[in-house]
Amino acid sequence: MITIHGLKQSRALRATWACEELGLVYTFRALDAMKGELRSPDFLALNPGGKVPTLVEDDFVLTESGAIVAYLADKRPDVGLMPAAGTPERAKCWQWMLFALTELEQPLWTISKHTFALPEKLRVPAIIPTAKKEFLRAAGVLATGLGDREWLGGDAFTGADLMVGHTLAWARAFSVPWEQPTLDAYAERVLSRPALARASAKEQAA
């Protein structure tokens, strides 16, 4: 049985969304950061970093949302959430998944840390305009890469779209705008997927 440990409204949604896209049976275990559950001995034994999502399947533990999405996708290669190994399509999928993590997400995480995540005495509000500028630049690269295609890989929705789409939803939630109209339509396509709605509902019910 697959168990996804996560906070509600966090990167853990990437993992549960992937499970829903793939039709995998899983359990979402909601943790409460305010109660210190991310720093509990039991959870730190699974993930010493105290971060989410953390996947547990029997004796196997996996962390980092991109790795989890790719691992889950390989359980159902027929679905095509990750293209076949050794293909250019697979490489491109990884390119955009890593771009989501290293370029598109990081300015948003900087904004989060210096808005609410860090203790107030450690926040540096003056960095937020720079982070917003970095996000705009990354969004421009994304829009260029997407072009006039429906999905980042072309005709099929993949893990790249899942990772990027979740990050764009994060930007919307924090009122961090982008300037490219093509990304408006793309975000609507990604974020209207029924699998995401199912994952969100299961998360909220946990």
N, C-alpha and C. Protein backbone atom coordinates (compact mmCIF):
# COMPACT_ATOMS: atom_id res chain seq x y z
N MET A 1 0.84 -1.20 0.00
CA MET A 1 0.00 0.00 0.00
C MET A 1 0.87 1.24 0.00
N ILE A 2 0.51 2.19 -0.81
CA ILE A 2 1.22 3.46 -0.89
C ILE A 2 0.60 4.43 0.11
N THR A 3 1.44 5.03 0.94
CA THR A 3 0.99 6.08 1.84
C THR A 3 1.77 7.35 1.52
N ILE A 4 1.04 8.44 1.33
CA ILE A 4 1.65 9.74 1.10
C ILE A 4 1.48 10.56 2.37
N HIS A 5 2.59 10.90 3.00
CA HIS A 5 2.57 11.75 4.18
C HIS A 5 2.73 13.20 3.70
N GLY A 6 1.83 14.06 4.14
CA GLY A 6 1.92 15.43 3.66
C GLY A 6 1.10 16.41 4.47
N LEU A 7 1.35 17.67 4.24
CA LEU A 7 0.50 18.73 4.76
C LEU A 7 -0.58 19.02 3.72
N LYS A 8 -1.71 19.44 4.17
CA LYS A 8 -2.74 19.89 3.24
C LYS A 8 -2.26 21.16 2.55
N GLN A 9 -2.61 21.31 1.28
CA GLN A 9 -2.23 22.47 0.48
C GLN A 9 -0.71 22.65 0.45
N SER A 10 -0.03 21.58 0.11
CA SER A 10 1.43 21.60 0.04
C SER A 10 1.89 20.87 -1.21
N ARG A 11 3.20 20.69 -1.34
CA ARG A 11 3.74 19.94 -2.47
C ARG A 11 3.27 18.48 -2.47
N ALA A 12 2.74 18.02 -1.36
CA ALA A 12 2.23 16.64 -1.30
C ALA A 12 1.12 16.41 -2.31
N LEU A 13 0.43 17.48 -2.70
CA LEU A 13 -0.64 17.34 -3.68
C LEU A 13 -0.10 16.83 -5.01
N ARG A 14 1.16 17.10 -5.31
CA ARG A 14 1.75 16.58 -6.54
C ARG A 14 1.74 15.05 -6.52
N ALA A 15 2.02 14.47 -5.37
CA ALA A 15 2.08 13.02 -5.26
C ALA A 15 0.69 12.40 -5.32
N THR A 16 -0.27 12.97 -4.60
CA THR A 16 -1.62 12.40 -4.62
C THR A 16 -2.28 12.62 -5.98
N TRP A 17 -2.00 13.74 -6.61
CA TRP A 17 -2.51 14.01 -7.96
C TRP A 17 -1.97 12.96 -8.93
N ALA A 18 -0.69 12.65 -8.83
CA ALA A 18 -0.10 11.62 -9.69
C ALA A 18 -0.80 10.28 -9.46
N CYS A 19 -1.04 9.94 -8.20
CA CYS A 19 -1.74 8.68 -7.91
C CYS A 19 -3.11 8.64 -8.58
N GLU A 20 -3.82 9.77 -8.54
CA GLU A 20 -5.15 9.82 -9.15
C GLU A 20 -5.07 9.73 -10.66
N GLU A 21 -4.10 10.39 -11.27
CA GLU A 21 -3.93 10.28 -12.73
C GLU A 21 -3.65 8.84 -13.14
N LEU A 22 -2.94 8.13 -12.29
CA LEU A 22 -2.49 6.77 -12.63
C LEU A 22 -3.46 5.69 -12.17
N GLY A 23 -4.47 6.06 -11.40
CA GLY A 23 -5.41 5.07 -10.90
C GLY A 23 -4.82 4.16 -9.83
N LEU A 24 -3.87 4.67 -9.06
CA LEU A 24 -3.23 3.88 -8.01
C LEU A 24 -4.00 4.01 -6.70
N VAL A 25 -4.01 2.93 -5.94
CA VAL A 25 -4.61 2.94 -4.61
C VAL A 25 -3.59 3.51 -3.64
N TYR A 26 -4.01 4.46 -2.82
CA TYR A 26 -3.08 5.10 -1.89
C TYR A 26 -3.86 5.65 -0.70
N THR A 27 -3.11 5.97 0.33
CA THR A 27 -3.66 6.65 1.50
C THR A 27 -2.91 7.96 1.69
N PHE A 28 -3.65 9.01 1.99
CA PHE A 28 -3.03 10.29 2.31
C PHE A 28 -3.07 10.48 3.81
N ARG A 29 -1.91 10.59 4.42
CA ARG A 29 -1.82 10.84 5.86
C ARG A 29 -1.50 12.31 6.08
N ALA A 30 -2.48 13.04 6.58
CA ALA A 30 -2.31 14.47 6.79
C ALA A 30 -1.54 14.72 8.09
N LEU A 31 -0.48 15.51 7.99
CA LEU A 31 0.30 15.90 9.15
C LEU A 31 -0.08 17.33 9.56
N ASP A 32 0.13 17.64 10.81
CA ASP A 32 -0.20 18.97 11.34
C ASP A 32 1.09 19.63 11.79
N ALA A 33 1.57 20.60 11.01
CA ALA A 33 2.81 21.28 11.35
C ALA A 33 2.69 22.05 12.65
N MET A 34 1.50 22.60 12.92
CA MET A 34 1.32 23.39 14.14
C MET A 34 1.44 22.54 15.39
N LYS A 35 1.20 21.25 15.26
CA LYS A 35 1.35 20.34 16.40
C LYS A 35 2.74 19.71 16.46
N GLY A 36 3.62 20.14 15.57
CA GLY A 36 4.98 19.64 15.58
C GLY A 36 5.17 18.28 14.95
N GLU A 37 4.17 17.84 14.15
CA GLU A 37 4.26 16.48 13.62
C GLU A 37 5.37 16.30 12.58
N LEU A 38 5.80 17.39 11.95
CA LEU A 38 6.91 17.28 11.01
C LEU A 38 8.23 17.02 11.72
N ARG A 39 8.27 17.31 13.01
CA ARG A 39 9.49 17.12 13.79
C ARG A 39 9.36 15.99 14.80
N SER A 40 8.31 15.20 14.65
CA SER A 40 8.14 14.07 15.58
C SER A 40 9.19 13.01 15.28
N PRO A 41 9.63 12.25 16.28
CA PRO A 41 10.62 11.19 16.05
C PRO A 41 10.19 10.19 14.98
N ASP A 42 8.91 9.85 14.96
CA ASP A 42 8.43 8.86 13.98
C ASP A 42 8.58 9.40 12.56
N PHE A 43 8.20 10.67 12.36
CA PHE A 43 8.29 11.19 11.00
C PHE A 43 9.74 11.45 10.60
N LEU A 44 10.55 11.94 11.52
CA LEU A 44 11.95 12.18 11.21
C LEU A 44 12.70 10.89 10.91
N ALA A 45 12.20 9.78 11.42
CA ALA A 45 12.80 8.49 11.07
C ALA A 45 12.55 8.15 9.61
N LEU A 46 11.45 8.65 9.06
CA LEU A 46 11.15 8.45 7.64
C LEU A 46 11.87 9.48 6.78
N ASN A 47 11.83 10.72 7.21
CA ASN A 47 12.41 11.83 6.45
C ASN A 47 13.16 12.74 7.41
N PRO A 48 14.47 12.57 7.51
CA PRO A 48 15.25 13.38 8.46
C PRO A 48 15.15 14.87 8.22
N GLY A 49 14.76 15.27 7.02
CA GLY A 49 14.59 16.69 6.74
C GLY A 49 13.29 17.25 7.26
N GLY A 50 12.37 16.38 7.67
CA GLY A 50 11.09 16.84 8.16
C GLY A 50 10.26 17.53 7.10
N LYS A 51 10.36 17.06 5.85
CA LYS A 51 9.68 17.72 4.73
C LYS A 51 8.62 16.80 4.12
N VAL A 52 7.72 17.41 3.38
CA VAL A 52 6.70 16.65 2.66
C VAL A 52 6.78 17.03 1.17
N PRO A 53 6.32 16.09 0.32
CA PRO A 53 5.74 14.79 0.63
C PRO A 53 6.79 13.73 0.94
N THR A 54 6.35 12.72 1.65
CA THR A 54 7.16 11.52 1.89
C THR A 54 6.29 10.32 1.55
N LEU A 55 6.78 9.50 0.64
CA LEU A 55 6.07 8.30 0.22
C LEU A 55 6.61 7.10 0.98
N VAL A 56 5.70 6.28 1.47
CA VAL A 56 6.08 5.02 2.12
C VAL A 56 5.30 3.90 1.44
N GLU A 57 6.02 2.89 1.00
CA GLU A 57 5.40 1.72 0.38
C GLU A 57 6.12 0.48 0.93
N ASP A 58 5.45 -0.21 1.83
CA ASP A 58 6.08 -1.32 2.57
C ASP A 58 7.31 -0.78 3.30
N ASP A 59 8.49 -1.28 2.97
CA ASP A 59 9.71 -0.81 3.63
C ASP A 59 10.45 0.26 2.83
N PHE A 60 9.86 0.69 1.73
CA PHE A 60 10.50 1.66 0.85
C PHE A 60 10.02 3.05 1.19
N VAL A 61 10.97 3.99 1.35
CA VAL A 61 10.65 5.38 1.65
C VAL A 61 11.28 6.26 0.57
N LEU A 62 10.50 7.21 0.05
CA LEU A 62 10.99 8.10 -0.99
C LEU A 62 10.54 9.52 -0.67
N THR A 63 11.48 10.46 -0.84
CA THR A 63 11.16 11.87 -0.62
C THR A 63 11.40 12.64 -1.91
N GLU A 64 11.04 13.91 -1.90
CA GLU A 64 11.16 14.85 -3.03
C GLU A 64 10.04 14.60 -4.04
N SER A 65 9.24 15.63 -4.25
CA SER A 65 8.02 15.48 -5.05
C SER A 65 8.29 15.03 -6.48
N GLY A 66 9.34 15.55 -7.12
CA GLY A 66 9.63 15.14 -8.49
C GLY A 66 9.99 13.67 -8.58
N ALA A 67 10.80 13.20 -7.64
CA ALA A 67 11.18 11.79 -7.63
C ALA A 67 9.97 10.91 -7.38
N ILE A 68 9.08 11.36 -6.52
CA ILE A 68 7.88 10.57 -6.22
C ILE A 68 6.97 10.48 -7.44
N VAL A 69 6.76 11.60 -8.12
CA VAL A 69 5.93 11.58 -9.32
C VAL A 69 6.50 10.62 -10.36
N ALA A 70 7.81 10.67 -10.58
CA ALA A 70 8.44 9.80 -11.57
C ALA A 70 8.34 8.34 -11.16
N TYR A 71 8.55 8.05 -9.89
CA TYR A 71 8.47 6.67 -9.39
C TYR A 71 7.06 6.11 -9.58
N LEU A 72 6.07 6.91 -9.21
CA LEU A 72 4.68 6.46 -9.37
C LEU A 72 4.33 6.25 -10.84
N ALA A 73 4.79 7.17 -11.69
CA ALA A 73 4.47 7.09 -13.11
C ALA A 73 4.99 5.79 -13.72
N ASP A 74 6.14 5.33 -13.27
CA ASP A 74 6.73 4.11 -13.83
C ASP A 74 5.97 2.86 -13.42
N LYS A 75 5.07 2.97 -12.46
CA LYS A 75 4.23 1.84 -12.10
C LYS A 75 3.15 1.58 -13.14
N ARG A 76 2.80 2.63 -13.90
CA ARG A 76 1.77 2.51 -14.94
C ARG A 76 2.28 3.14 -16.23
N PRO A 77 3.26 2.50 -16.87
CA PRO A 77 3.81 3.08 -18.09
C PRO A 77 2.78 3.26 -19.19
N ASP A 78 1.70 2.46 -19.12
CA ASP A 78 0.66 2.57 -20.14
C ASP A 78 -0.07 3.91 -20.09
N VAL A 79 -0.06 4.57 -18.94
CA VAL A 79 -0.74 5.86 -18.82
C VAL A 79 0.07 6.97 -19.48
N GLY A 80 1.39 6.86 -19.45
CA GLY A 80 2.23 7.83 -20.14
C GLY A 80 2.53 9.09 -19.34
N LEU A 81 2.37 9.03 -18.01
CA LEU A 81 2.68 10.21 -17.22
C LEU A 81 4.17 10.53 -17.29
N MET A 82 4.99 9.50 -17.46
CA MET A 82 6.40 9.68 -17.83
C MET A 82 6.62 8.92 -19.12
N PRO A 83 7.12 9.56 -20.15
CA PRO A 83 7.39 8.85 -21.41
C PRO A 83 8.42 7.73 -21.20
N ALA A 84 8.55 6.89 -22.20
CA ALA A 84 9.42 5.71 -22.10
C ALA A 84 10.87 6.11 -21.86
N ALA A 85 11.55 5.33 -21.03
CA ALA A 85 12.96 5.58 -20.72
C ALA A 85 13.81 5.56 -21.98
N GLY A 86 14.79 6.44 -22.04
CA GLY A 86 15.71 6.48 -23.16
C GLY A 86 15.23 7.26 -24.36
N THR A 87 14.04 7.87 -24.26
CA THR A 87 13.49 8.62 -25.40
C THR A 87 13.72 10.11 -25.21
N PRO A 88 13.75 10.87 -26.30
CA PRO A 88 13.82 12.34 -26.17
C PRO A 88 12.65 12.90 -25.38
N GLU A 89 11.49 12.26 -25.51
CA GLU A 89 10.30 12.74 -24.79
C GLU A 89 10.50 12.61 -23.28
N ARG A 90 11.14 11.52 -22.86
CA ARG A 90 11.43 11.34 -21.44
C ARG A 90 12.40 12.42 -20.95
N ALA A 91 13.42 12.68 -21.74
CA ALA A 91 14.40 13.69 -21.37
C ALA A 91 13.75 15.07 -21.24
N LYS A 92 12.87 15.40 -22.19
CA LYS A 92 12.19 16.69 -22.13
C LYS A 92 11.27 16.78 -20.92
N CYS A 93 10.62 15.66 -20.60
CA CYS A 93 9.76 15.64 -19.42
C CYS A 93 10.58 15.94 -18.17
N TRP A 94 11.73 15.30 -18.05
CA TRP A 94 12.61 15.57 -16.91
C TRP A 94 13.10 17.02 -16.93
N GLN A 95 13.38 17.53 -18.12
CA GLN A 95 13.84 18.92 -18.22
C GLN A 95 12.84 19.87 -17.56
N TRP A 96 11.56 19.72 -17.89
CA TRP A 96 10.57 20.64 -17.38
C TRP A 96 10.21 20.34 -15.93
N MET A 97 10.29 19.10 -15.52
CA MET A 97 10.07 18.79 -14.10
C MET A 97 11.14 19.45 -13.25
N LEU A 98 12.39 19.36 -13.70
CA LEU A 98 13.48 19.98 -12.95
C LEU A 98 13.41 21.50 -13.03
N PHE A 99 12.97 22.01 -14.17
CA PHE A 99 12.78 23.46 -14.30
C PHE A 99 11.75 23.95 -13.28
N ALA A 100 10.67 23.18 -13.13
CA ALA A 100 9.65 23.56 -12.15
C ALA A 100 10.24 23.67 -10.75
N LEU A 101 11.11 22.72 -10.42
CA LEU A 101 11.69 22.68 -9.07
C LEU A 101 12.78 23.71 -8.86
N THR A 102 13.61 23.93 -9.87
CA THR A 102 14.80 24.76 -9.67
C THR A 102 14.63 26.21 -10.10
N GLU A 103 13.73 26.49 -11.03
CA GLU A 103 13.58 27.84 -11.56
C GLU A 103 12.21 28.46 -11.24
N LEU A 104 11.15 27.72 -11.51
CA LEU A 104 9.81 28.29 -11.37
C LEU A 104 9.36 28.34 -9.91
N GLU A 105 9.68 27.30 -9.16
CA GLU A 105 9.23 27.21 -7.77
C GLU A 105 10.05 28.04 -6.81
N GLN A 106 11.35 28.11 -7.04
CA GLN A 106 12.22 28.70 -6.03
C GLN A 106 11.90 30.16 -5.68
N PRO A 107 11.57 31.02 -6.65
CA PRO A 107 11.18 32.37 -6.24
C PRO A 107 9.92 32.39 -5.38
N LEU A 108 8.99 31.47 -5.65
CA LEU A 108 7.78 31.39 -4.85
C LEU A 108 8.09 30.93 -3.43
N TRP A 109 9.01 30.02 -3.31
CA TRP A 109 9.41 29.54 -1.99
C TRP A 109 10.12 30.65 -1.22
N THR A 110 10.91 31.44 -1.93
CA THR A 110 11.55 32.60 -1.28
C THR A 110 10.49 33.56 -0.74
N ILE A 111 9.48 33.83 -1.55
CA ILE A 111 8.38 34.70 -1.11
C ILE A 111 7.69 34.11 0.10
N SER A 112 7.43 32.79 0.06
CA SER A 112 6.76 32.12 1.17
C SER A 112 7.56 32.24 2.46
N LYS A 113 8.85 31.96 2.34
CA LYS A 113 9.70 32.00 3.54
C LYS A 113 9.71 33.38 4.18
N HIS A 114 9.79 34.41 3.34
CA HIS A 114 9.94 35.75 3.87
C HIS A 114 8.60 36.46 4.08
N THR A 115 7.50 35.70 3.89
CA THR A 115 6.17 36.20 4.19
C THR A 115 5.60 35.55 5.44
N PHE A 116 5.74 34.20 5.54
CA PHE A 116 5.13 33.52 6.69
C PHE A 116 5.89 32.30 7.20
N ALA A 117 6.68 31.63 6.35
CA ALA A 117 7.25 30.35 6.76
C ALA A 117 8.36 30.49 7.80
N LEU A 118 9.20 31.50 7.65
CA LEU A 118 10.28 31.71 8.60
C LEU A 118 9.78 32.47 9.83
N PRO A 119 10.46 32.28 10.97
CA PRO A 119 10.15 33.15 12.12
C PRO A 119 10.31 34.62 11.70
N GLU A 120 9.49 35.48 12.25
CA GLU A 120 9.45 36.87 11.79
C GLU A 120 10.82 37.54 11.86
N LYS A 121 11.61 37.21 12.86
CA LYS A 121 12.91 37.87 13.02
C LYS A 121 13.90 37.49 11.92
N LEU A 122 13.61 36.40 11.18
CA LEU A 122 14.50 35.97 10.11
C LEU A 122 14.03 36.41 8.72
N ARG A 123 12.86 37.00 8.64
CA ARG A 123 12.31 37.40 7.34
C ARG A 123 13.00 38.67 6.83
N VAL A 124 13.18 38.70 5.51
CA VAL A 124 13.77 39.87 4.85
C VAL A 124 12.79 40.31 3.76
N PRO A 125 11.80 41.10 4.09
CA PRO A 125 10.79 41.50 3.10
C PRO A 125 11.36 42.16 1.86
N ALA A 126 12.52 42.79 1.99
CA ALA A 126 13.10 43.50 0.84
C ALA A 126 13.47 42.57 -0.30
N ILE A 127 13.55 41.26 -0.03
CA ILE A 127 13.93 40.32 -1.09
C ILE A 127 12.74 39.95 -1.97
N ILE A 128 11.54 40.24 -1.52
CA ILE A 128 10.34 39.78 -2.24
C ILE A 128 10.24 40.37 -3.65
N PRO A 129 10.47 41.65 -3.88
CA PRO A 129 10.41 42.15 -5.27
C PRO A 129 11.40 41.46 -6.20
N THR A 130 12.58 41.13 -5.69
CA THR A 130 13.55 40.40 -6.51
C THR A 130 13.03 39.02 -6.85
N ALA A 131 12.43 38.35 -5.87
CA ALA A 131 11.88 37.02 -6.11
C ALA A 131 10.76 37.06 -7.15
N LYS A 132 9.92 38.08 -7.08
CA LYS A 132 8.85 38.21 -8.07
C LYS A 132 9.42 38.42 -9.47
N LYS A 133 10.49 39.20 -9.56
CA LYS A 133 11.13 39.41 -10.86
C LYS A 133 11.72 38.11 -11.39
N GLU A 134 12.30 37.31 -10.51
CA GLU A 134 12.85 36.02 -10.92
C GLU A 134 11.75 35.08 -11.41
N PHE A 135 10.60 35.12 -10.73
CA PHE A 135 9.48 34.29 -11.17
C PHE A 135 9.00 34.72 -12.56
N LEU A 136 8.89 36.01 -12.79
CA LEU A 136 8.45 36.50 -14.10
C LEU A 136 9.40 36.04 -15.20
N ARG A 137 10.69 36.08 -14.91
CA ARG A 137 11.66 35.62 -15.90
C ARG A 137 11.47 34.13 -16.19
N ALA A 138 11.29 33.35 -15.14
CA ALA A 138 11.09 31.91 -15.33
C ALA A 138 9.79 31.64 -16.09
N ALA A 139 8.75 32.39 -15.79
CA ALA A 139 7.48 32.23 -16.50
C ALA A 139 7.64 32.53 -17.99
N GLY A 140 8.49 33.51 -18.31
CA GLY A 140 8.76 33.81 -19.72
C GLY A 140 9.44 32.65 -20.42
N VAL A 141 10.39 32.03 -19.74
CA VAL A 141 11.06 30.85 -20.31
C VAL A 141 10.06 29.72 -20.51
N LEU A 142 9.18 29.52 -19.54
CA LEU A 142 8.16 28.49 -19.65
C LEU A 142 7.24 28.76 -20.84
N ALA A 143 6.79 29.98 -20.98
CA ALA A 143 5.88 30.31 -22.08
C ALA A 143 6.55 30.07 -23.43
N THR A 144 7.82 30.41 -23.53
CA THR A 144 8.55 30.16 -24.78
C THR A 144 8.66 28.67 -25.04
N GLY A 145 8.95 27.90 -24.01
CA GLY A 145 9.08 26.46 -24.17
C GLY A 145 7.77 25.79 -24.53
N LEU A 146 6.68 26.31 -23.98
CA LEU A 146 5.36 25.75 -24.29
C LEU A 146 4.95 26.08 -25.72
N GLY A 147 5.22 27.29 -26.16
CA GLY A 147 4.83 27.69 -27.50
C GLY A 147 3.34 27.62 -27.69
N ASP A 148 2.91 27.04 -28.81
CA ASP A 148 1.48 26.92 -29.08
C ASP A 148 0.98 25.50 -28.85
N ARG A 149 1.76 24.71 -28.13
CA ARG A 149 1.35 23.33 -27.86
C ARG A 149 0.35 23.29 -26.70
N GLU A 150 -0.43 22.23 -26.66
CA GLU A 150 -1.39 22.07 -25.57
C GLU A 150 -0.70 21.73 -24.26
N TRP A 151 0.31 20.85 -24.36
CA TRP A 151 1.06 20.40 -23.19
C TRP A 151 2.55 20.59 -23.45
N LEU A 152 3.33 20.56 -22.39
CA LEU A 152 4.77 20.79 -22.55
C LEU A 152 5.43 19.75 -23.45
N GLY A 153 4.91 18.52 -23.40
CA GLY A 153 5.48 17.46 -24.24
C GLY A 153 4.84 17.35 -25.60
N GLY A 154 3.83 18.16 -25.87
CA GLY A 154 3.15 18.08 -27.17
C GLY A 154 1.69 17.72 -27.01
N ASP A 155 1.34 16.50 -27.38
CA ASP A 155 -0.07 16.09 -27.39
C ASP A 155 -0.54 15.47 -26.09
N ALA A 156 0.37 15.06 -25.22
CA ALA A 156 -0.01 14.29 -24.04
C ALA A 156 0.37 15.00 -22.75
N PHE A 157 -0.52 14.93 -21.77
CA PHE A 157 -0.25 15.42 -20.43
C PHE A 157 0.77 14.50 -19.76
N THR A 158 1.79 15.08 -19.14
CA THR A 158 2.83 14.28 -18.48
C THR A 158 3.12 14.85 -17.10
N GLY A 159 4.06 14.18 -16.43
CA GLY A 159 4.49 14.65 -15.12
C GLY A 159 5.05 16.06 -15.15
N ALA A 160 5.57 16.48 -16.29
CA ALA A 160 6.06 17.85 -16.41
C ALA A 160 4.92 18.84 -16.25
N ASP A 161 3.79 18.56 -16.87
CA ASP A 161 2.63 19.44 -16.76
C ASP A 161 2.09 19.44 -15.33
N LEU A 162 2.12 18.29 -14.70
CA LEU A 162 1.66 18.19 -13.31
C LEU A 162 2.52 19.06 -12.40
N MET A 163 3.83 18.94 -12.51
CA MET A 163 4.73 19.70 -11.66
C MET A 163 4.64 21.20 -11.94
N VAL A 164 4.65 21.56 -13.20
CA VAL A 164 4.57 22.97 -13.57
C VAL A 164 3.20 23.54 -13.21
N GLY A 165 2.14 22.79 -13.49
CA GLY A 165 0.80 23.27 -13.19
C GLY A 165 0.60 23.52 -11.71
N HIS A 166 1.09 22.62 -10.87
CA HIS A 166 0.97 22.82 -9.43
C HIS A 166 1.71 24.08 -9.01
N THR A 167 2.85 24.35 -9.63
CA THR A 167 3.63 25.54 -9.29
C THR A 167 2.91 26.81 -9.73
N LEU A 168 2.26 26.76 -10.88
CA LEU A 168 1.48 27.92 -11.32
C LEU A 168 0.29 28.17 -10.38
N ALA A 169 -0.30 27.09 -9.87
CA ALA A 169 -1.39 27.25 -8.89
C ALA A 169 -0.86 27.92 -7.63
N TRP A 170 0.35 27.59 -7.23
CA TRP A 170 1.00 28.21 -6.09
C TRP A 170 1.15 29.72 -6.34
N ALA A 171 1.59 30.08 -7.54
CA ALA A 171 1.74 31.50 -7.88
C ALA A 171 0.41 32.22 -7.79
N ARG A 172 -0.63 31.61 -8.31
CA ARG A 172 -1.96 32.22 -8.24
C ARG A 172 -2.40 32.43 -6.79
N ALA A 173 -2.16 31.41 -5.96
CA ALA A 173 -2.58 31.48 -4.56
C ALA A 173 -1.89 32.62 -3.83
N PHE A 174 -0.66 32.91 -4.23
CA PHE A 174 0.10 33.98 -3.60
C PHE A 174 -0.01 35.30 -4.35
N SER A 175 -0.90 35.34 -5.35
CA SER A 175 -1.11 36.57 -6.14
C SER A 175 0.19 37.06 -6.77
N VAL A 176 0.98 36.12 -7.26
CA VAL A 176 2.20 36.45 -8.00
C VAL A 176 1.86 36.26 -9.48
N PRO A 177 1.71 37.34 -10.24
CA PRO A 177 1.22 37.21 -11.62
C PRO A 177 2.33 36.85 -12.60
N TRP A 178 1.89 36.37 -13.75
CA TRP A 178 2.79 36.23 -14.89
C TRP A 178 2.23 37.10 -16.01
N GLU A 179 3.01 37.30 -17.05
CA GLU A 179 2.64 38.26 -18.08
C GLU A 179 2.22 37.62 -19.40
N GLN A 180 2.25 36.31 -19.49
CA GLN A 180 2.05 35.62 -20.76
C GLN A 180 0.62 35.04 -20.84
N PRO A 181 -0.22 35.53 -21.74
CA PRO A 181 -1.58 35.00 -21.86
C PRO A 181 -1.62 33.50 -22.17
N THR A 182 -0.62 32.99 -22.88
CA THR A 182 -0.62 31.55 -23.18
C THR A 182 -0.57 30.73 -21.90
N LEU A 183 0.05 31.26 -20.86
CA LEU A 183 0.12 30.52 -19.60
C LEU A 183 -1.22 30.53 -18.87
N ASP A 184 -2.06 31.55 -19.13
CA ASP A 184 -3.40 31.56 -18.54
C ASP A 184 -4.19 30.35 -19.03
N ALA A 185 -4.20 30.15 -20.34
CA ALA A 185 -4.96 29.03 -20.92
C ALA A 185 -4.34 27.70 -20.51
N TYR A 186 -3.03 27.65 -20.50
CA TYR A 186 -2.34 26.41 -20.10
C TYR A 186 -2.67 26.05 -18.65
N ALA A 187 -2.61 27.03 -17.76
CA ALA A 187 -2.93 26.76 -16.36
C ALA A 187 -4.36 26.27 -16.21
N GLU A 188 -5.29 26.83 -16.97
CA GLU A 188 -6.68 26.38 -16.90
C GLU A 188 -6.79 24.92 -17.33
N ARG A 189 -6.09 24.54 -18.39
CA ARG A 189 -6.13 23.15 -18.85
C ARG A 189 -5.60 22.20 -17.78
N VAL A 190 -4.46 22.56 -17.21
CA VAL A 190 -3.83 21.68 -16.23
C VAL A 190 -4.67 21.58 -14.97
N LEU A 191 -5.10 22.71 -14.46
CA LEU A 191 -5.73 22.75 -13.15
C LEU A 191 -7.21 22.36 -13.18
N SER A 192 -7.75 22.11 -14.36
CA SER A 192 -9.14 21.64 -14.45
C SER A 192 -9.22 20.12 -14.61
N ARG A 193 -8.10 19.43 -14.49
CA ARG A 193 -8.11 17.98 -14.66
C ARG A 193 -8.86 17.30 -13.51
N PRO A 194 -9.74 16.36 -13.83
CA PRO A 194 -10.52 15.68 -12.78
C PRO A 194 -9.65 15.00 -11.73
N ALA A 195 -8.49 14.47 -12.13
CA ALA A 195 -7.62 13.81 -11.15
C ALA A 195 -7.16 14.77 -10.07
N LEU A 196 -6.92 16.03 -10.44
CA LEU A 196 -6.52 17.02 -9.45
C LEU A 196 -7.67 17.29 -8.48
N ALA A 197 -8.88 17.39 -9.00
CA ALA A 197 -10.04 17.63 -8.14
C ALA A 197 -10.21 16.47 -7.15
N ARG A 198 -10.02 15.24 -7.63
CA ARG A 198 -10.16 14.08 -6.74
C ARG A 198 -9.09 14.10 -5.65
N ALA A 199 -7.85 14.41 -6.04
CA ALA A 199 -6.76 14.44 -5.08
C ALA A 199 -7.00 15.53 -4.03
N SER A 200 -7.46 16.68 -4.47
CA SER A 200 -7.73 17.78 -3.55
C SER A 200 -8.83 17.41 -2.56
N ALA A 201 -9.87 16.76 -3.05
CA ALA A 201 -10.98 16.36 -2.18
C ALA A 201 -10.52 15.33 -1.15
N LYS A 202 -9.69 14.39 -1.59
CA LYS A 202 -9.20 13.37 -0.65
C LYS A 202 -8.31 14.01 0.40
N GLU A 203 -7.51 14.98 0.00
CA GLU A 203 -6.64 15.68 0.93
C GLU A 203 -7.47 16.42 1.99
N GLN A 204 -8.49 17.13 1.55
CA GLN A 204 -9.29 17.90 2.48
C GLN A 204 -10.10 17.02 3.42
N ALA A 205 -10.41 15.81 2.97
CA ALA A 205 -11.19 14.89 3.81
C ALA A 205 -10.34 14.17 4.85
N ALA A 206 -9.03 14.22 4.67
CA ALA A 206 -8.13 13.46 5.56
C ALA A 206 -8.04 14.10 6.94
